[in-house]
């Protein structure tokens, strides 16, 4: 084959090979391969340590924020509903990942800066009492837009 005809031929083969992948990706997933576990990750605006747990202010949409309350007891090994993961000193933004199993709250991972001087860490004055927000929590209440 002359050189000028080889290039269009290989370009056509490459185009056909790349075009086959989206067709395969559109095939339905068999029910046995579907997971009943999924997660939602939202960026964190502020994390406030409190005597009963963490108050997390997170982005619930483009222009709105909401608060989540995560009791310290959820981080215990015998309860294991939450993990606190300290992220490095780079430009990684702290976030909150909420895992759902069969549509119900299952687990939460709180990714925070290991630097307490990071802009996302805050303090709640000791005269503020929000103990009632942590009592009796069985699942994380989240709002999404």
N, C-alpha and C. Protein backbone atom coordinates (compact mmCIF):
# COMPACT_ATOMS: atom_id res chain seq x y z
N UNK A 1 0.84 -1.17 0.00
CA UNK A 1 0.00 0.00 0.00
C UNK A 1 0.88 1.23 0.00
N UNK A 2 0.58 2.22 -0.84
CA UNK A 2 1.37 3.45 -0.81
C UNK A 2 1.19 4.14 0.53
N UNK A 3 2.21 4.93 0.88
CA UNK A 3 2.23 5.59 2.18
C UNK A 3 1.02 6.50 2.37
N UNK A 4 0.58 7.19 1.34
CA UNK A 4 -0.54 8.12 1.47
C UNK A 4 -1.84 7.39 1.78
N UNK A 5 -1.97 6.12 1.40
CA UNK A 5 -3.19 5.37 1.67
C UNK A 5 -3.13 4.66 3.02
N UNK A 6 -1.92 4.44 3.57
CA UNK A 6 -1.79 3.77 4.87
C UNK A 6 -2.34 4.64 5.99
N UNK A 7 -2.06 5.92 5.95
CA UNK A 7 -2.48 6.82 7.02
C UNK A 7 -4.01 6.86 7.15
N UNK A 8 -4.77 7.09 6.07
CA UNK A 8 -6.23 7.08 6.23
C UNK A 8 -6.77 5.71 6.68
N UNK A 9 -6.11 4.63 6.21
CA UNK A 9 -6.56 3.30 6.59
C UNK A 9 -6.41 3.08 8.09
N UNK A 10 -5.23 3.45 8.66
CA UNK A 10 -5.00 3.29 10.09
C UNK A 10 -5.87 4.26 10.90
N UNK A 11 -6.10 5.44 10.38
CA UNK A 11 -6.99 6.39 11.06
C UNK A 11 -8.40 5.82 11.13
N UNK A 12 -8.85 5.18 10.04
CA UNK A 12 -10.18 4.56 10.03
C UNK A 12 -10.25 3.41 11.02
N UNK A 13 -9.22 2.59 11.10
CA UNK A 13 -9.20 1.49 12.07
C UNK A 13 -9.24 2.02 13.50
N UNK A 14 -8.45 3.06 13.77
CA UNK A 14 -8.45 3.66 15.10
C UNK A 14 -9.81 4.23 15.46
N UNK A 15 -10.44 4.90 14.52
CA UNK A 15 -11.76 5.49 14.75
C UNK A 15 -12.79 4.41 15.05
N UNK A 16 -12.75 3.31 14.29
CA UNK A 16 -13.67 2.20 14.52
C UNK A 16 -13.43 1.54 15.87
N UNK A 17 -12.17 1.39 16.27
CA UNK A 17 -11.86 0.78 17.55
C UNK A 17 -12.35 1.65 18.70
N UNK A 18 -12.16 2.96 18.60
CA UNK A 18 -12.63 3.87 19.65
C UNK A 18 -14.15 3.96 19.68
N UNK A 19 -14.77 3.84 18.55
CA UNK A 19 -16.22 3.92 18.48
C UNK A 19 -16.90 2.69 19.04
N UNK A 20 -16.20 1.57 19.12
CA UNK A 20 -16.80 0.34 19.63
C UNK A 20 -16.95 0.39 21.15
N UNK A 21 -16.08 1.09 21.86
CA UNK A 21 -16.14 1.16 23.32
C UNK A 21 -17.44 1.77 23.83
N UNK A 22 -17.90 2.91 23.30
CA UNK A 22 -19.16 3.46 23.81
C UNK A 22 -20.36 2.54 23.56
N UNK A 23 -20.35 1.79 22.49
CA UNK A 23 -21.46 0.87 22.22
C UNK A 23 -21.49 -0.21 23.28
N UNK A 24 -20.31 -0.73 23.65
CA UNK A 24 -20.24 -1.75 24.68
C UNK A 24 -20.64 -1.18 26.03
N UNK A 25 -20.26 0.07 26.33
CA UNK A 25 -20.58 0.69 27.61
C UNK A 25 -22.07 0.92 27.77
N UNK A 26 -22.83 0.97 26.70
CA UNK A 26 -24.26 1.23 26.78
C UNK A 26 -25.07 -0.03 27.07
N UNK A 27 -24.42 -1.18 27.13
CA UNK A 27 -25.13 -2.41 27.41
C UNK A 27 -25.65 -2.38 28.85
N UNK A 28 -26.85 -2.89 29.11
CA UNK A 28 -27.38 -2.88 30.48
C UNK A 28 -26.53 -3.74 31.41
N UNK A 29 -26.43 -3.32 32.67
CA UNK A 29 -25.67 -4.06 33.67
C UNK A 29 -26.58 -5.13 34.26
N UNK A 30 -26.12 -6.37 34.29
CA UNK A 30 -26.95 -7.43 34.87
C UNK A 30 -27.24 -7.14 36.36
N UNK A 31 -28.43 -7.46 36.85
CA UNK A 31 -28.79 -7.16 38.24
C UNK A 31 -27.82 -7.72 39.26
N UNK A 32 -27.24 -8.90 39.01
CA UNK A 32 -26.33 -9.49 39.98
C UNK A 32 -25.01 -8.70 40.09
N UNK A 33 -24.71 -7.85 39.08
CA UNK A 33 -23.49 -7.05 39.11
C UNK A 33 -23.71 -5.66 39.71
N UNK A 34 -24.95 -5.30 39.99
CA UNK A 34 -25.23 -4.00 40.57
C UNK A 34 -24.92 -4.04 42.07
N UNK A 35 -24.36 -2.96 42.57
CA UNK A 35 -24.06 -2.88 43.99
C UNK A 35 -25.21 -2.18 44.71
N UNK A 36 -25.47 -2.59 45.93
CA UNK A 36 -26.48 -1.91 46.72
C UNK A 36 -25.85 -0.81 47.57
N UNK A 37 -24.56 -0.55 47.37
CA UNK A 37 -23.83 0.47 48.10
C UNK A 37 -23.40 1.57 47.14
N UNK A 38 -23.69 2.82 47.48
CA UNK A 38 -23.22 3.95 46.69
C UNK A 38 -22.88 5.09 47.64
N UNK A 39 -22.17 6.10 47.14
CA UNK A 39 -21.77 7.20 48.00
C UNK A 39 -21.96 8.53 47.31
N UNK A 40 -22.05 9.57 48.15
CA UNK A 40 -22.13 10.95 47.69
C UNK A 40 -21.04 11.72 48.40
N UNK A 41 -20.25 12.48 47.66
CA UNK A 41 -19.18 13.28 48.26
C UNK A 41 -19.50 14.75 48.05
N UNK A 42 -19.36 15.52 49.14
CA UNK A 42 -19.63 16.96 49.10
C UNK A 42 -18.43 17.69 49.70
N UNK A 43 -18.13 18.88 49.17
CA UNK A 43 -17.03 19.67 49.74
C UNK A 43 -17.41 20.26 51.10
N UNK A 44 -16.42 20.39 51.96
CA UNK A 44 -16.62 20.93 53.30
C UNK A 44 -16.24 22.40 53.32
N UNK A 45 -17.09 23.20 53.94
CA UNK A 45 -16.79 24.61 54.17
C UNK A 45 -16.09 24.80 55.52
N UNK A 46 -16.64 24.15 56.57
CA UNK A 46 -16.07 24.26 57.92
C UNK A 46 -16.31 22.97 58.69
N UNK A 47 -15.39 22.67 59.59
CA UNK A 47 -15.54 21.56 60.54
C UNK A 47 -15.32 22.15 61.93
N UNK A 48 -16.31 21.95 62.79
CA UNK A 48 -16.24 22.46 64.15
C UNK A 48 -16.21 21.29 65.13
N UNK A 49 -15.08 21.04 65.79
CA UNK A 49 -15.08 20.01 66.83
C UNK A 49 -15.94 20.52 68.01
N UNK A 50 -16.74 19.64 68.54
CA UNK A 50 -17.60 19.97 69.67
C UNK A 50 -17.44 18.85 70.69
N UNK A 51 -17.84 19.03 71.91
CA UNK A 51 -17.62 18.02 72.94
C UNK A 51 -18.34 16.70 72.65
N UNK A 52 -19.35 16.70 71.82
CA UNK A 52 -20.10 15.48 71.49
C UNK A 52 -19.80 14.93 70.10
N UNK A 53 -19.11 15.71 69.27
CA UNK A 53 -18.82 15.25 67.92
C UNK A 53 -18.37 16.39 67.03
N UNK A 54 -18.56 16.21 65.74
CA UNK A 54 -18.18 17.24 64.77
C UNK A 54 -19.43 17.86 64.16
N UNK A 55 -19.40 19.17 64.04
CA UNK A 55 -20.40 19.88 63.27
C UNK A 55 -19.73 20.19 61.93
N UNK A 56 -20.31 19.71 60.85
CA UNK A 56 -19.71 19.87 59.53
C UNK A 56 -20.63 20.75 58.69
N UNK A 57 -20.09 21.85 58.21
CA UNK A 57 -20.82 22.71 57.28
C UNK A 57 -20.34 22.34 55.89
N UNK A 58 -21.25 21.88 55.06
CA UNK A 58 -20.88 21.38 53.74
C UNK A 58 -21.71 22.07 52.66
N UNK A 59 -21.22 21.99 51.44
CA UNK A 59 -21.94 22.54 50.28
C UNK A 59 -23.02 21.55 49.87
N UNK A 60 -24.25 22.01 49.89
CA UNK A 60 -25.35 21.14 49.47
C UNK A 60 -25.77 21.43 48.04
N UNK A 61 -25.24 22.48 47.48
CA UNK A 61 -25.53 22.86 46.10
C UNK A 61 -24.59 23.99 45.72
N UNK A 62 -24.86 24.62 44.62
CA UNK A 62 -23.99 25.67 44.13
C UNK A 62 -23.93 26.88 45.06
N UNK A 63 -25.07 27.25 45.63
CA UNK A 63 -25.12 28.47 46.44
C UNK A 63 -25.63 28.25 47.85
N UNK A 64 -25.71 27.01 48.29
CA UNK A 64 -26.28 26.74 49.60
C UNK A 64 -25.38 25.83 50.42
N UNK A 65 -25.45 25.99 51.73
CA UNK A 65 -24.72 25.12 52.64
C UNK A 65 -25.70 24.50 53.62
N UNK A 66 -25.28 23.44 54.27
CA UNK A 66 -26.08 22.78 55.30
C UNK A 66 -25.13 22.26 56.37
N UNK A 67 -25.70 21.80 57.47
CA UNK A 67 -24.91 21.28 58.58
C UNK A 67 -25.21 19.81 58.79
N UNK A 68 -24.15 19.07 59.13
CA UNK A 68 -24.29 17.67 59.50
C UNK A 68 -23.64 17.49 60.87
N UNK A 69 -24.22 16.62 61.67
CA UNK A 69 -23.73 16.36 63.01
C UNK A 69 -23.27 14.91 63.08
N UNK A 70 -21.98 14.72 63.42
CA UNK A 70 -21.39 13.38 63.46
C UNK A 70 -20.90 13.13 64.89
N UNK A 71 -21.60 12.28 65.64
CA UNK A 71 -21.19 12.00 67.02
C UNK A 71 -19.85 11.27 67.09
N UNK A 72 -19.07 11.57 68.14
CA UNK A 72 -17.78 10.90 68.32
C UNK A 72 -17.94 9.39 68.47
N UNK A 73 -19.04 8.93 69.04
CA UNK A 73 -19.23 7.50 69.25
C UNK A 73 -19.24 6.73 67.94
N UNK A 74 -19.61 7.36 66.82
CA UNK A 74 -19.62 6.68 65.53
C UNK A 74 -18.22 6.29 65.07
N UNK A 75 -17.19 6.94 65.62
CA UNK A 75 -15.81 6.66 65.23
C UNK A 75 -15.21 5.49 66.02
N UNK A 76 -15.90 5.01 67.05
CA UNK A 76 -15.41 3.90 67.86
C UNK A 76 -15.44 2.60 67.05
N UNK A 77 -14.50 1.71 67.37
CA UNK A 77 -14.37 0.45 66.63
C UNK A 77 -15.61 -0.42 66.76
N UNK A 78 -16.30 -0.39 67.89
CA UNK A 78 -17.47 -1.25 68.06
C UNK A 78 -18.70 -0.71 67.36
N UNK A 79 -18.73 0.59 67.03
CA UNK A 79 -19.86 1.19 66.31
C UNK A 79 -19.54 1.28 64.83
N UNK A 80 -18.42 1.85 64.52
CA UNK A 80 -17.85 1.95 63.16
C UNK A 80 -18.83 2.46 62.10
N UNK A 81 -19.40 3.63 62.37
CA UNK A 81 -20.25 4.29 61.38
C UNK A 81 -19.53 5.44 60.71
N UNK A 82 -18.30 5.76 61.19
CA UNK A 82 -17.59 6.92 60.65
C UNK A 82 -16.08 6.71 60.72
N UNK A 83 -15.40 7.36 59.80
CA UNK A 83 -13.94 7.43 59.77
C UNK A 83 -13.52 8.87 59.66
N UNK A 84 -12.46 9.23 60.36
CA UNK A 84 -11.84 10.54 60.22
C UNK A 84 -10.52 10.33 59.52
N UNK A 85 -10.39 10.90 58.34
CA UNK A 85 -9.17 10.72 57.55
C UNK A 85 -8.51 12.07 57.40
N UNK A 86 -7.27 12.16 57.89
CA UNK A 86 -6.52 13.41 57.80
C UNK A 86 -5.77 13.45 56.48
N UNK A 87 -6.03 14.49 55.72
CA UNK A 87 -5.38 14.62 54.41
C UNK A 87 -4.14 15.48 54.55
N UNK A 88 -3.26 15.36 53.58
CA UNK A 88 -1.96 16.01 53.63
C UNK A 88 -1.97 17.51 53.50
N UNK A 89 -0.81 18.02 53.27
CA UNK A 89 -0.59 19.46 53.25
C UNK A 89 -0.75 20.07 51.86
N UNK A 90 -1.16 19.31 50.90
CA UNK A 90 -1.29 19.81 49.54
C UNK A 90 -2.55 20.63 49.35
N UNK A 91 -3.01 20.67 48.13
CA UNK A 91 -4.16 21.49 47.79
C UNK A 91 -5.47 20.70 47.80
N UNK A 92 -5.46 19.50 48.37
CA UNK A 92 -6.68 18.70 48.42
C UNK A 92 -7.71 19.37 49.32
N UNK A 93 -8.92 19.49 48.81
CA UNK A 93 -10.00 20.14 49.55
C UNK A 93 -10.67 19.14 50.49
N UNK A 94 -10.84 19.48 51.77
CA UNK A 94 -11.57 18.59 52.66
C UNK A 94 -12.98 18.32 52.15
N UNK A 95 -13.46 17.10 52.40
CA UNK A 95 -14.78 16.71 51.91
C UNK A 95 -15.41 15.68 52.83
N UNK A 96 -16.64 15.38 52.55
CA UNK A 96 -17.42 14.43 53.33
C UNK A 96 -18.02 13.43 52.34
N UNK A 97 -17.76 12.15 52.56
CA UNK A 97 -18.34 11.10 51.72
C UNK A 97 -19.33 10.31 52.55
N UNK A 98 -20.57 10.27 52.09
CA UNK A 98 -21.63 9.55 52.79
C UNK A 98 -21.99 8.32 51.97
N UNK A 99 -21.92 7.16 52.60
CA UNK A 99 -22.21 5.90 51.94
C UNK A 99 -23.62 5.47 52.30
N UNK A 100 -24.34 5.01 51.28
CA UNK A 100 -25.71 4.53 51.45
C UNK A 100 -25.77 3.08 51.02
N UNK A 101 -26.50 2.29 51.77
CA UNK A 101 -26.70 0.88 51.42
C UNK A 101 -28.19 0.64 51.32
N UNK A 102 -28.61 0.18 50.17
CA UNK A 102 -30.03 -0.04 49.88
C UNK A 102 -30.85 1.22 50.15
N UNK A 103 -30.25 2.38 49.84
CA UNK A 103 -30.94 3.65 49.95
C UNK A 103 -30.95 4.28 51.33
N UNK A 104 -30.33 3.64 52.31
CA UNK A 104 -30.31 4.17 53.67
C UNK A 104 -28.87 4.45 54.10
N UNK A 105 -28.73 5.42 55.02
CA UNK A 105 -27.40 5.76 55.53
C UNK A 105 -26.69 4.52 56.06
N UNK A 106 -25.41 4.40 55.69
CA UNK A 106 -24.62 3.25 56.12
C UNK A 106 -23.35 3.68 56.85
N UNK A 107 -22.65 4.71 56.33
CA UNK A 107 -21.31 5.03 56.79
C UNK A 107 -20.94 6.42 56.32
N UNK A 108 -20.03 7.09 57.04
CA UNK A 108 -19.55 8.41 56.62
C UNK A 108 -18.03 8.47 56.78
N UNK A 109 -17.39 9.11 55.84
CA UNK A 109 -15.95 9.39 55.91
C UNK A 109 -15.76 10.89 55.86
N UNK A 110 -15.07 11.39 56.86
CA UNK A 110 -14.80 12.81 56.99
C UNK A 110 -13.32 13.03 56.67
N UNK A 111 -13.06 13.68 55.54
CA UNK A 111 -11.69 13.98 55.11
C UNK A 111 -11.37 15.41 55.52
N UNK A 112 -10.44 15.56 56.47
CA UNK A 112 -10.11 16.88 57.01
C UNK A 112 -8.62 17.14 56.87
N UNK A 113 -8.26 18.42 56.91
CA UNK A 113 -6.85 18.79 56.88
C UNK A 113 -6.20 18.43 58.20
N UNK A 114 -5.00 17.90 58.13
CA UNK A 114 -4.29 17.58 59.36
C UNK A 114 -3.78 18.84 60.07
N UNK A 115 -3.78 19.95 59.34
CA UNK A 115 -3.36 21.24 59.92
C UNK A 115 -4.57 21.89 60.58
N UNK A 116 -4.53 22.06 61.88
CA UNK A 116 -5.65 22.70 62.59
C UNK A 116 -5.74 24.19 62.24
N UNK A 117 -4.72 24.74 61.62
CA UNK A 117 -4.76 26.14 61.19
C UNK A 117 -5.40 26.31 59.81
N UNK A 118 -5.77 25.19 59.18
CA UNK A 118 -6.41 25.24 57.86
C UNK A 118 -7.72 26.02 57.96
N UNK A 119 -8.08 26.71 56.91
CA UNK A 119 -9.28 27.57 56.90
C UNK A 119 -10.58 26.81 57.15
N UNK A 120 -10.59 25.50 56.94
CA UNK A 120 -11.82 24.75 57.14
C UNK A 120 -12.06 24.36 58.61
N UNK A 121 -11.06 24.50 59.46
CA UNK A 121 -11.26 24.21 60.88
C UNK A 121 -11.81 25.44 61.57
N UNK A 122 -12.75 25.24 62.45
CA UNK A 122 -13.33 26.34 63.22
C UNK A 122 -13.51 25.94 64.67
N UNK A 123 -13.95 26.89 65.48
CA UNK A 123 -14.18 26.66 66.90
C UNK A 123 -15.59 27.09 67.28
N UNK A 124 -16.21 26.31 68.13
CA UNK A 124 -17.51 26.68 68.68
C UNK A 124 -17.25 27.21 70.09
N UNK A 125 -17.71 28.40 70.41
CA UNK A 125 -17.49 28.93 71.76
C UNK A 125 -18.06 27.99 72.82
N UNK A 126 -17.39 27.90 73.95
CA UNK A 126 -17.79 26.96 75.00
C UNK A 126 -19.15 27.31 75.62
N UNK A 127 -19.62 28.52 75.45
CA UNK A 127 -20.92 28.89 76.02
C UNK A 127 -22.08 28.40 75.15
N UNK A 128 -21.80 27.93 73.95
CA UNK A 128 -22.83 27.40 73.05
C UNK A 128 -23.12 25.96 73.44
N UNK A 129 -24.39 25.61 73.58
CA UNK A 129 -24.79 24.26 73.93
C UNK A 129 -25.66 23.69 72.80
N UNK A 130 -25.09 22.74 72.08
CA UNK A 130 -25.85 22.05 71.02
C UNK A 130 -25.83 20.54 71.25
N UNK A 131 -25.74 20.13 72.51
CA UNK A 131 -25.71 18.71 72.84
C UNK A 131 -26.90 17.95 72.25
N UNK A 132 -28.06 18.58 72.25
CA UNK A 132 -29.28 17.92 71.77
C UNK A 132 -29.20 17.51 70.30
N UNK A 133 -28.37 18.16 69.52
CA UNK A 133 -28.25 17.82 68.10
C UNK A 133 -27.51 16.51 67.87
N UNK A 134 -26.78 16.05 68.87
CA UNK A 134 -26.01 14.80 68.76
C UNK A 134 -26.69 13.62 69.44
N UNK A 135 -27.65 13.88 70.29
CA UNK A 135 -28.28 12.81 71.07
C UNK A 135 -29.27 12.01 70.22
N UNK A 136 -29.15 10.71 70.35
CA UNK A 136 -30.08 9.81 69.68
C UNK A 136 -29.91 9.70 68.17
N UNK A 137 -28.80 10.18 67.65
CA UNK A 137 -28.58 10.09 66.19
C UNK A 137 -28.24 8.65 65.80
N UNK A 138 -29.03 8.10 64.93
CA UNK A 138 -28.78 6.76 64.41
C UNK A 138 -28.26 6.81 62.98
N UNK A 139 -28.57 7.90 62.28
CA UNK A 139 -28.10 8.05 60.90
C UNK A 139 -27.80 9.50 60.63
N UNK A 140 -26.99 9.73 59.62
CA UNK A 140 -26.60 11.08 59.24
C UNK A 140 -27.70 11.69 58.38
N UNK A 141 -28.13 12.87 58.76
CA UNK A 141 -29.15 13.59 58.00
C UNK A 141 -28.44 14.56 57.04
N UNK A 142 -28.60 14.34 55.76
CA UNK A 142 -27.94 15.16 54.76
C UNK A 142 -29.00 15.76 53.83
N UNK A 143 -28.69 16.95 53.32
CA UNK A 143 -29.54 17.60 52.34
C UNK A 143 -28.71 17.85 51.09
N UNK A 144 -29.26 17.53 49.94
CA UNK A 144 -28.58 17.73 48.67
C UNK A 144 -29.49 18.51 47.74
N UNK A 145 -28.91 19.35 46.93
CA UNK A 145 -29.68 20.07 45.90
C UNK A 145 -29.41 19.45 44.55
